[in-house]
């Protein structure tokens, strides 16, 4: 559930007493994103950039910081802006591999069953050998390219490179409607993404270099929600690796994320506890009503809740200004009718996991602020065991964030500033476990 990293540059024009604004997205190498609307008051700012699918609202601290919330493609994240001496954005990614690679790399195209979507991806094959175990990488939320580019980090490129060097073939694919893959992302659901992944599995089975009995899935974040659906539909997956995967249903996951994000910006537990019932009510209202009149319905719910809150609580929650309240209502009405976001909230991950019978490895970082490690690992373990699956390994990895980087706090703002793309020890854990499920098991069976 990866956000896109944004840089926002504000400069004050003393002659006409206004701000000039520029936005860029280093993740996508967009250096001039149009800003459609900028509204400022003496102590707040609202910025709308439709190309980046983003609305930012923040409180201005004249000591040099703006803090607030960004609504991006239906997701809500905290953000912090600091004064910088230069707009330069330095990207240092020492783990990104450079050619020539010690393995074969092939850019491929394939289609779904009705040929309505053409998928573009990269298949990497070990140099030595004729037939290999294989994994399909399934990306997290948001339209991701085959490398799962987040905050300047090509996460899937690093993962595919490591695994292929260990003798495992890897397929990574652009999401529908993204980069080289056709189709429409915004109108799609998690079920549609499972169809896409199933098409990729079918493609792998056509390759003579791939052992069809040793094809597995690695899902990151939302991709770990998609993967069980693929397993249920194809009934031919040999193993599953869940990276930062949810083990609770979509509503509980949204509440977990809200709590972690509010804590990260200093909101007290008492104020969070006061806000969560409102958040749950508004989520359920959106899920059980169509868009007609929903904004007004949510506004009445919010108004009744606001009457019961202290002014200090509203200030702490960034809900004291009418503009901030209006943005919340918009995100909890229109934002939840974006198909990927809606299907995420409606997902029943435990029920899907109960139907997974293949070996599963679930890894979560202890400093993940998007998918809480303890609650979700426990949920994954419990759901799989309820379904009778005993081949389950779960592990909380210390000091790692949602991207499996070593982190100080786990905050989104750290992603781009960390030079590490993927912790080496996690790469080894994944590779060793896959080889235990495939090459070593296959060799033992042959003997």
Protein backbone atom coordinates (compact mmCIF):
# COMPACT_ATOMS: atom_id res chain seq x y z
CA UNK A 1 0.00 0.00 0.00
CA UNK A 2 2.67 2.24 -1.29
CA UNK A 3 2.32 5.96 -1.57
CA UNK A 4 4.05 7.95 -4.31
CA UNK A 5 6.71 10.31 -2.97
CA UNK A 6 5.95 13.96 -3.71
CA UNK A 7 8.04 17.10 -3.39
CA UNK A 8 6.16 20.38 -2.96
CA UNK A 9 8.01 23.67 -3.32
CA UNK A 10 6.36 26.83 -2.02
CA UNK A 11 7.80 30.30 -2.42
CA UNK A 12 6.31 33.50 -1.03
CA UNK A 13 5.91 36.45 -3.39
CA UNK A 14 6.09 39.58 -1.28
CA UNK A 15 4.88 41.92 -4.04
CA UNK A 16 1.41 40.39 -4.39
CA UNK A 17 1.50 38.48 -1.06
CA UNK A 18 0.86 35.05 -2.55
CA UNK A 19 2.50 31.65 -2.86
CA UNK A 20 3.96 30.18 -6.03
CA UNK A 21 3.82 26.38 -5.96
CA UNK A 22 5.60 23.60 -7.84
CA UNK A 23 5.13 19.86 -7.39
CA UNK A 24 7.29 16.96 -8.54
CA UNK A 25 7.24 13.18 -8.14
CA UNK A 26 10.77 11.75 -8.11
CA UNK A 27 9.33 8.21 -8.07
CA UNK A 28 7.88 8.77 -11.52
CA UNK A 29 10.54 11.26 -12.62
CA UNK A 30 7.86 13.89 -13.09
CA UNK A 31 9.49 17.24 -12.41
CA UNK A 32 6.63 19.58 -13.25
CA UNK A 33 3.26 18.25 -12.07
CA UNK A 34 0.49 20.82 -12.68
CA UNK A 35 -1.10 22.18 -9.50
CA UNK A 36 -4.75 22.87 -10.25
CA UNK A 37 -5.66 24.75 -7.09
CA UNK A 38 -3.84 26.34 -4.16
CA UNK A 39 -5.78 27.82 -1.25
CA UNK A 40 -3.99 29.37 1.71
CA UNK A 41 -5.01 31.02 4.96
CA UNK A 42 -2.62 32.58 7.47
CA UNK A 43 -2.01 29.16 9.03
CA UNK A 44 -3.09 26.49 6.53
CA UNK A 45 -2.74 25.34 2.95
CA UNK A 46 -4.78 23.15 0.58
CA UNK A 47 -3.18 22.03 -2.67
CA UNK A 48 -4.92 20.00 -5.41
CA UNK A 49 -2.93 18.22 -8.13
CA UNK A 50 -5.18 16.08 -10.29
CA UNK A 51 -2.33 14.53 -12.31
CA UNK A 52 -0.82 13.11 -9.12
CA UNK A 53 -4.32 12.16 -7.85
CA UNK A 54 -3.44 14.14 -4.72
CA UNK A 55 -4.97 16.64 -2.34
CA UNK A 56 -2.76 18.03 0.40
CA UNK A 57 -4.02 19.94 3.41
CA UNK A 58 -1.63 21.17 6.05
CA UNK A 59 -1.00 23.57 8.88
CA UNK A 60 1.74 26.14 8.39
CA UNK A 61 4.31 26.46 11.15
CA UNK A 62 6.35 29.56 10.55
CA UNK A 63 9.32 27.92 12.26
CA UNK A 64 9.81 26.22 8.94
CA UNK A 65 7.45 23.22 8.74
CA UNK A 66 4.10 22.36 7.18
CA UNK A 67 2.43 19.19 8.48
CA UNK A 68 -0.86 17.62 7.55
CA UNK A 69 -2.59 14.94 5.50
CA UNK A 70 -2.36 14.00 1.83
CA UNK A 71 -5.27 12.20 0.13
CA UNK A 72 -3.85 10.22 -2.78
CA UNK A 73 -5.93 7.89 -4.96
CA UNK A 74 -8.33 7.26 -2.09
CA UNK A 75 -5.61 6.65 0.52
CA UNK A 76 -4.77 9.04 3.35
CA UNK A 77 -1.21 9.61 4.55
CA UNK A 78 0.51 12.11 6.84
CA UNK A 79 3.04 14.46 5.25
CA UNK A 80 5.67 16.92 6.41
CA UNK A 81 7.28 19.73 4.42
CA UNK A 82 10.51 21.36 5.53
CA UNK A 83 12.40 24.35 4.22
CA UNK A 84 15.14 23.31 1.81
CA UNK A 85 18.06 25.28 0.51
CA UNK A 86 17.78 23.64 -2.89
CA UNK A 87 15.06 21.74 -4.80
CA UNK A 88 17.61 19.16 -5.94
CA UNK A 89 16.56 15.57 -5.30
CA UNK A 90 19.54 13.23 -5.02
CA UNK A 91 18.81 9.55 -5.60
CA UNK A 92 21.41 7.06 -4.39
CA UNK A 93 20.33 3.46 -4.73
CA UNK A 94 23.36 1.18 -4.34
CA UNK A 95 21.30 -2.04 -4.56
CA UNK A 96 19.88 -1.27 -8.00
CA UNK A 97 21.66 -3.78 -10.28
CA UNK A 98 23.34 -2.64 -13.48
CA UNK A 99 23.82 -4.70 -16.65
CA UNK A 100 25.37 -6.89 -17.79
CA UNK A 101 23.53 -9.33 -15.53
CA UNK A 102 24.77 -12.87 -14.76
CA UNK A 103 21.43 -14.25 -15.98
CA UNK A 104 19.07 -14.01 -18.92
CA UNK A 105 16.54 -11.17 -19.11
CA UNK A 106 13.61 -11.12 -21.53
CA UNK A 107 10.95 -8.46 -22.01
CA UNK A 108 7.71 -10.28 -22.72
CA UNK A 109 4.09 -9.68 -23.74
CA UNK A 110 1.06 -11.88 -23.04
CA UNK A 111 -2.71 -11.44 -22.82
CA UNK A 112 -5.57 -12.47 -20.57
CA UNK A 113 -8.04 -15.14 -21.66
CA UNK A 114 -10.30 -12.85 -23.70
CA UNK A 115 -7.30 -10.85 -25.01
CA UNK A 116 -8.82 -7.60 -23.69
CA UNK A 117 -5.58 -6.73 -21.86
CA UNK A 118 -2.01 -7.04 -23.07
CA UNK A 119 0.50 -7.33 -20.23
CA UNK A 120 4.09 -6.17 -20.47
CA UNK A 121 6.70 -7.61 -18.15
CA UNK A 122 10.21 -8.87 -17.63
CA UNK A 123 11.16 -12.50 -17.15
CA UNK A 124 14.59 -13.26 -15.69
CA UNK A 125 16.02 -16.76 -16.01
CA UNK A 126 19.12 -18.21 -14.33
CA UNK A 127 22.09 -18.65 -16.67
CA UNK A 128 22.78 -22.28 -15.78
CA UNK A 129 20.22 -25.04 -16.10
CA UNK A 130 17.26 -25.96 -18.27
CA UNK A 131 14.23 -25.93 -15.95
CA UNK A 132 13.73 -23.65 -12.96
CA UNK A 133 11.31 -22.92 -10.13
CA UNK A 134 9.62 -19.56 -10.70
CA UNK A 135 7.91 -16.78 -8.81
CA UNK A 136 5.47 -14.11 -9.92
CA UNK A 137 5.83 -10.77 -8.10
CA UNK A 138 2.52 -9.02 -7.27
CA UNK A 139 2.76 -5.34 -6.38
CA UNK A 140 1.11 -3.27 -3.68
CA UNK A 141 -1.64 -0.68 -3.98
CA UNK A 142 -1.63 2.02 -6.59
CA UNK A 143 -0.69 1.68 -10.26
CA UNK A 144 2.82 0.20 -10.11
CA UNK A 145 5.27 -0.58 -12.86
CA UNK A 146 7.05 -3.93 -13.04
CA UNK A 147 9.82 -2.69 -10.72
CA UNK A 148 7.35 -1.46 -8.07
CA UNK A 149 9.02 1.95 -8.11
CA UNK A 150 8.37 3.71 -4.78
CA UNK A 151 10.27 6.73 -3.47
CA UNK A 152 12.95 6.21 -6.09
CA UNK A 153 13.44 2.56 -5.06
CA UNK A 154 12.96 -0.20 -7.65
CA UNK A 155 11.88 -2.78 -5.11
CA UNK A 156 10.95 -5.61 -7.47
CA UNK A 157 14.06 -5.06 -9.60
CA UNK A 158 16.25 -5.67 -6.54
CA UNK A 159 14.16 -8.67 -5.44
CA UNK A 160 14.11 -10.25 -8.91
CA UNK A 161 17.84 -9.73 -9.34
CA UNK A 162 18.65 -11.45 -6.04
CA UNK A 163 16.34 -14.41 -6.57
CA UNK A 164 17.46 -15.04 -10.14
CA UNK A 165 21.09 -15.10 -9.02
CA UNK A 166 20.06 -17.91 -6.62
CA UNK A 167 18.58 -20.04 -9.40
CA UNK A 168 14.94 -18.91 -9.30
CA UNK A 169 13.17 -17.54 -12.39
CA UNK A 170 11.18 -14.35 -11.74
CA UNK A 171 8.35 -12.67 -13.64
CA UNK A 172 7.44 -9.07 -12.82
CA UNK A 173 4.68 -7.28 -14.72
CA UNK A 174 3.41 -3.72 -15.13
CA UNK A 175 0.01 -3.28 -13.46
CA UNK A 176 -2.98 -2.89 -15.76
CA UNK A 177 -3.19 0.62 -17.20
CA UNK A 178 0.43 1.29 -16.21
CA UNK A 179 3.62 1.62 -18.27
CA UNK A 180 3.49 -1.07 -20.98
CA UNK A 181 0.31 -2.86 -19.87
CA UNK A 182 -3.06 -1.90 -21.35
CA UNK A 183 -6.38 -1.74 -19.50
CA UNK A 184 -7.84 0.60 -16.89
CA UNK A 185 -6.56 0.74 -13.33
CA UNK A 186 -8.97 3.14 -11.60
CA UNK A 187 -12.08 1.16 -12.54
CA UNK A 188 -10.57 -2.15 -11.39
CA UNK A 189 -10.81 -4.12 -8.16
CA UNK A 190 -8.65 -6.54 -6.20
CA UNK A 191 -10.55 -9.34 -7.93
CA UNK A 192 -9.50 -7.92 -11.30
CA UNK A 193 -5.88 -7.75 -10.14
CA UNK A 194 -6.15 -11.44 -9.19
CA UNK A 195 -7.32 -12.16 -12.75
CA UNK A 196 -4.22 -10.34 -14.02
CA UNK A 197 -1.92 -12.38 -11.81
CA UNK A 198 -3.64 -15.61 -12.88
CA UNK A 199 -2.97 -14.67 -16.51
CA UNK A 200 0.71 -14.25 -15.63
CA UNK A 201 0.77 -17.71 -14.01
CA UNK A 202 -0.75 -19.18 -17.16
CA UNK A 203 1.99 -17.50 -19.19
CA UNK A 204 4.71 -18.99 -16.97
CA UNK A 205 3.27 -22.45 -17.58
CA UNK A 206 3.81 -22.00 -21.33
CA UNK A 207 7.55 -21.53 -20.88
CA UNK A 208 9.67 -24.66 -21.32
CA UNK A 209 12.25 -23.20 -18.90
CA UNK A 210 9.74 -23.18 -16.01
CA UNK A 211 8.80 -26.20 -13.91
CA UNK A 212 4.98 -25.90 -13.82
CA UNK A 213 4.84 -27.72 -10.47
CA UNK A 214 7.14 -25.16 -8.83
CA UNK A 215 5.47 -21.82 -9.57
CA UNK A 216 4.93 -19.59 -6.54
CA UNK A 217 3.75 -16.08 -5.72
CA UNK A 218 5.35 -13.21 -3.83
CA UNK A 219 2.84 -10.51 -2.93
CA UNK A 220 3.83 -7.21 -1.35
CA UNK A 221 1.27 -5.32 0.74
CA UNK A 222 -1.97 -5.31 -1.27
CA UNK A 223 -0.29 -7.88 -3.52
CA UNK A 224 -0.35 -10.23 -0.53
CA UNK A 225 -4.15 -9.80 -0.51
CA UNK A 226 -4.36 -10.53 -4.22
CA UNK A 227 -2.20 -13.67 -4.06
CA UNK A 228 -4.59 -15.89 -2.03
CA UNK A 229 -7.33 -15.16 -4.58
CA UNK A 230 -5.00 -16.33 -7.35
CA UNK A 231 -4.27 -19.53 -5.42
CA UNK A 232 -7.98 -20.22 -4.95
CA UNK A 233 -8.70 -19.66 -8.66
CA UNK A 234 -5.76 -21.54 -10.18
CA UNK A 235 -5.36 -24.35 -7.62
CA UNK A 236 -1.82 -24.94 -8.90
CA UNK A 237 0.44 -22.63 -6.89
CA UNK A 238 3.33 -24.35 -5.10
CA UNK A 239 4.06 -21.71 -2.43
CA UNK A 240 3.26 -18.20 -1.26
CA UNK A 241 5.44 -15.45 0.21
CA UNK A 242 3.51 -12.61 1.87
CA UNK A 243 5.52 -9.40 2.34
CA UNK A 244 3.81 -6.87 4.64
CA UNK A 245 0.56 -8.69 3.99
CA UNK A 246 -2.70 -8.07 5.87
CA UNK A 247 -4.15 -10.80 8.06
CA UNK A 248 -7.32 -8.89 8.98
CA UNK A 249 -10.30 -7.75 6.93
CA UNK A 250 -10.23 -4.50 4.96
CA UNK A 251 -12.13 -2.41 7.50
CA UNK A 252 -9.88 -3.42 10.38
CA UNK A 253 -6.82 -2.81 8.20
CA UNK A 254 -8.04 0.72 7.41
CA UNK A 255 -8.53 1.39 11.13
CA UNK A 256 -5.06 0.01 11.94
CA UNK A 257 -3.54 2.28 9.30
CA UNK A 258 -5.44 5.29 10.63
CA UNK A 259 -4.20 4.69 14.18
CA UNK A 260 -0.58 4.28 13.12
CA UNK A 261 -0.66 7.35 10.88
CA UNK A 262 -2.21 9.54 13.57
CA UNK A 263 0.31 8.35 16.16
CA UNK A 264 3.12 9.17 13.75
CA UNK A 265 2.08 12.84 13.73
CA UNK A 266 1.76 13.00 17.51
CA UNK A 267 -1.99 12.51 18.08
CA UNK A 268 -2.68 11.09 21.56
CA UNK A 269 -4.30 7.71 22.14
CA UNK A 270 -7.32 9.39 23.75
CA UNK A 271 -7.95 11.51 20.67
CA UNK A 272 -7.40 8.53 18.38
CA UNK A 273 -9.92 6.51 20.42
CA UNK A 274 -12.44 9.32 20.04
CA UNK A 275 -11.94 9.45 16.26
CA UNK A 276 -11.98 5.71 15.43
CA UNK A 277 -15.75 5.17 16.00
CA UNK A 278 -16.49 8.05 13.61
CA UNK A 279 -14.06 6.62 11.05
CA UNK A 280 -15.65 3.15 11.24
CA UNK A 281 -19.16 4.57 10.93
CA UNK A 282 -18.21 6.63 7.89
CA UNK A 283 -16.48 3.65 6.26
CA UNK A 284 -19.54 1.46 6.74
CA UNK A 285 -21.85 4.21 5.54
CA UNK A 286 -19.85 4.52 2.34
CA UNK A 287 -19.78 0.76 1.80
CA UNK A 288 -23.56 0.38 2.22
CA UNK A 289 -24.74 3.40 0.23
CA UNK A 290 -24.30 4.61 -3.32
CA UNK A 291 -22.74 7.97 -4.07
CA UNK A 292 -26.07 9.81 -4.32
CA UNK A 293 -26.45 11.99 -1.25
CA UNK A 294 -23.51 10.29 0.48
CA UNK A 295 -21.62 13.52 1.13
CA UNK A 296 -24.62 15.00 2.95
CA UNK A 297 -25.12 11.78 4.92
CA UNK A 298 -21.47 11.77 6.00
CA UNK A 299 -21.71 15.47 6.86
CA UNK A 300 -24.59 14.81 9.28
CA UNK A 301 -22.66 11.97 10.91
CA UNK A 302 -19.60 14.18 11.30
CA UNK A 303 -21.63 17.09 12.66
CA UNK A 304 -23.14 14.93 15.43
CA UNK A 305 -19.69 13.57 16.33
CA UNK A 306 -18.09 17.04 16.33
CA UNK A 307 -20.59 18.33 18.87
CA UNK A 308 -19.28 15.80 21.38
CA UNK A 309 -15.58 16.67 20.94
CA UNK A 310 -13.42 19.20 22.74
CA UNK A 311 -11.87 21.94 20.57
CA UNK A 312 -8.42 20.66 21.53
CA UNK A 313 -9.25 17.20 20.14
CA UNK A 314 -10.40 18.68 16.83
CA UNK A 315 -7.20 20.69 16.62
CA UNK A 316 -5.03 17.64 17.34
CA UNK A 317 -6.88 15.64 14.67
CA UNK A 318 -6.49 18.49 12.12
CA UNK A 319 -10.27 18.82 11.94
CA UNK A 320 -10.83 22.25 13.46
CA UNK A 321 -10.99 24.24 10.20
CA UNK A 322 -13.99 24.06 7.82
CA UNK A 323 -11.66 23.39 4.88
CA UNK A 324 -10.16 20.39 6.68
CA UNK A 325 -13.58 19.04 7.57
CA UNK A 326 -14.72 19.38 3.96
CA UNK A 327 -11.70 17.45 2.73
CA UNK A 328 -12.40 14.63 5.19
CA UNK A 329 -15.99 14.41 4.01
CA UNK A 330 -14.88 14.33 0.40
CA UNK A 331 -12.38 11.54 1.05
CA UNK A 332 -14.98 9.50 2.97
CA UNK A 333 -17.56 9.84 0.24
CA UNK A 334 -16.11 10.30 -3.25
CA UNK A 335 -12.67 8.86 -2.44
CA UNK A 336 -14.13 5.53 -1.34
CA UNK A 337 -15.84 5.07 -4.71
CA UNK A 338 -12.50 4.59 -6.43
CA UNK A 339 -12.75 0.87 -7.23
CA UNK A 340 -9.35 -0.31 -5.91
CA UNK A 341 -9.87 1.51 -2.60
CA UNK A 342 -13.45 0.30 -2.22
CA UNK A 343 -12.58 -3.31 -2.91
CA UNK A 344 -9.69 -3.10 -0.43
CA UNK A 345 -12.01 -1.94 2.37
CA UNK A 346 -14.51 -4.68 1.48
CA UNK A 347 -11.89 -7.45 1.35
CA UNK A 348 -12.18 -10.48 3.63
CA UNK A 349 -8.56 -11.56 3.87
CA UNK A 350 -8.98 -14.18 6.65
CA UNK A 351 -11.61 -16.09 4.68
CA UNK A 352 -9.39 -16.13 1.57
CA UNK A 353 -6.37 -17.28 3.59
CA UNK A 354 -8.36 -20.16 5.08
CA UNK A 355 -8.53 -21.64 1.56
CA UNK A 356 -4.75 -21.51 0.97
CA UNK A 357 -3.24 -24.99 1.36
CA UNK A 358 0.28 -24.49 -0.04
CA UNK A 359 3.32 -23.58 2.14
CA UNK A 360 3.28 -19.93 3.23
CA UNK A 361 6.03 -17.58 4.42
CA UNK A 362 4.74 -14.31 5.93
CA UNK A 363 7.19 -11.50 6.75
CA UNK A 364 6.39 -8.10 8.25
CA UNK A 365 8.66 -5.33 9.53
CA UNK A 366 8.36 -4.19 13.13
CA UNK A 367 8.41 -0.52 12.03
CA UNK A 368 5.79 -0.87 9.30
CA UNK A 369 3.31 2.02 9.66
CA UNK A 370 1.01 0.73 6.91
CA UNK A 371 0.47 -2.91 7.88
CA UNK A 372 0.99 -3.48 11.59
CA UNK A 373 3.28 -6.47 12.02
CA UNK A 374 2.01 -8.10 15.22
CA UNK A 375 -1.73 -7.95 14.53
CA UNK A 376 -1.44 -9.00 10.90
CA UNK A 377 1.07 -11.81 11.36
CA UNK A 378 -1.16 -13.21 14.10
CA UNK A 379 -4.17 -12.92 11.78
CA UNK A 380 -2.36 -14.68 8.93
CA UNK A 381 -1.25 -17.53 11.20
CA UNK A 382 -4.71 -17.98 12.70
CA UNK A 383 -6.56 -17.92 9.37
CA UNK A 384 -4.24 -20.42 7.70
CA UNK A 385 -4.37 -22.79 10.68
CA UNK A 386 -8.19 -22.57 10.80
CA UNK A 387 -8.13 -23.76 7.21
CA UNK A 388 -5.94 -26.72 8.15
CA UNK A 389 -2.67 -25.37 6.71
CA UNK A 390 0.25 -26.37 8.96
CA UNK A 391 3.02 -25.35 6.52
CA UNK A 392 3.12 -21.79 7.80
CA UNK A 393 6.14 -19.69 8.77
CA UNK A 394 5.64 -16.15 10.10
CA UNK A 395 8.35 -13.73 11.19
CA UNK A 396 8.45 -10.15 12.45
CA UNK A 397 11.68 -8.56 11.23
CA UNK A 398 13.11 -5.95 13.62
CA UNK A 399 13.60 -2.33 12.55
CA UNK A 400 12.21 -2.79 9.03
CA UNK A 401 9.54 -0.56 7.48
CA UNK A 402 6.81 -1.31 4.94
CA UNK A 403 9.36 -1.49 2.12
CA UNK A 404 11.65 -3.77 4.16
CA UNK A 405 14.25 -1.07 4.62
CA UNK A 406 16.10 -0.57 7.90
CA UNK A 407 14.38 2.51 9.31
CA UNK A 408 14.46 4.83 12.28
CA UNK A 409 10.71 5.44 12.63
CA UNK A 410 9.04 3.69 9.69
CA UNK A 411 7.46 6.96 8.52
CA UNK A 412 6.71 7.47 4.82
CA UNK A 413 8.98 10.50 4.81
CA UNK A 414 11.99 8.22 5.41
CA UNK A 415 11.50 5.99 2.35
CA UNK A 416 13.24 8.20 -0.17
CA UNK A 417 16.05 9.22 2.17
CA UNK A 418 17.14 5.66 2.97
CA UNK A 419 19.77 4.43 0.52
CA UNK A 420 18.89 0.77 1.14
CA UNK A 421 16.12 -0.54 -1.13
CA UNK A 422 15.55 -3.99 0.45
CA UNK A 423 17.28 -5.40 3.50
CA UNK A 424 19.84 -8.07 2.51
CA UNK A 425 18.83 -10.41 5.34
CA UNK A 426 15.21 -10.39 4.14
CA UNK A 427 16.30 -11.21 0.59
CA UNK A 428 18.21 -14.21 1.95
CA UNK A 429 15.28 -15.38 4.09
CA UNK A 430 12.97 -15.30 1.06
CA UNK A 431 15.42 -17.04 -1.26
CA UNK A 432 16.40 -19.77 1.22
CA UNK A 433 12.77 -20.55 2.01
CA UNK A 434 11.76 -20.76 -1.66
CA UNK A 435 14.65 -23.12 -2.40
CA UNK A 436 13.54 -25.30 0.51
CA UNK A 437 10.07 -25.53 -1.05
CA UNK A 438 11.30 -26.22 -4.59
CA UNK A 439 14.79 -27.28 -5.55
CA UNK A 440 15.68 -29.12 -2.35
CA UNK A 441 12.27 -30.74 -1.97
CA UNK A 442 12.29 -31.77 -5.63
CA UNK A 443 15.77 -33.29 -5.30
CA UNK A 444 14.76 -35.24 -2.19
CA UNK A 445 11.63 -36.58 -3.89
CA UNK A 446 13.67 -37.68 -6.91
CA UNK A 447 16.01 -39.66 -4.69
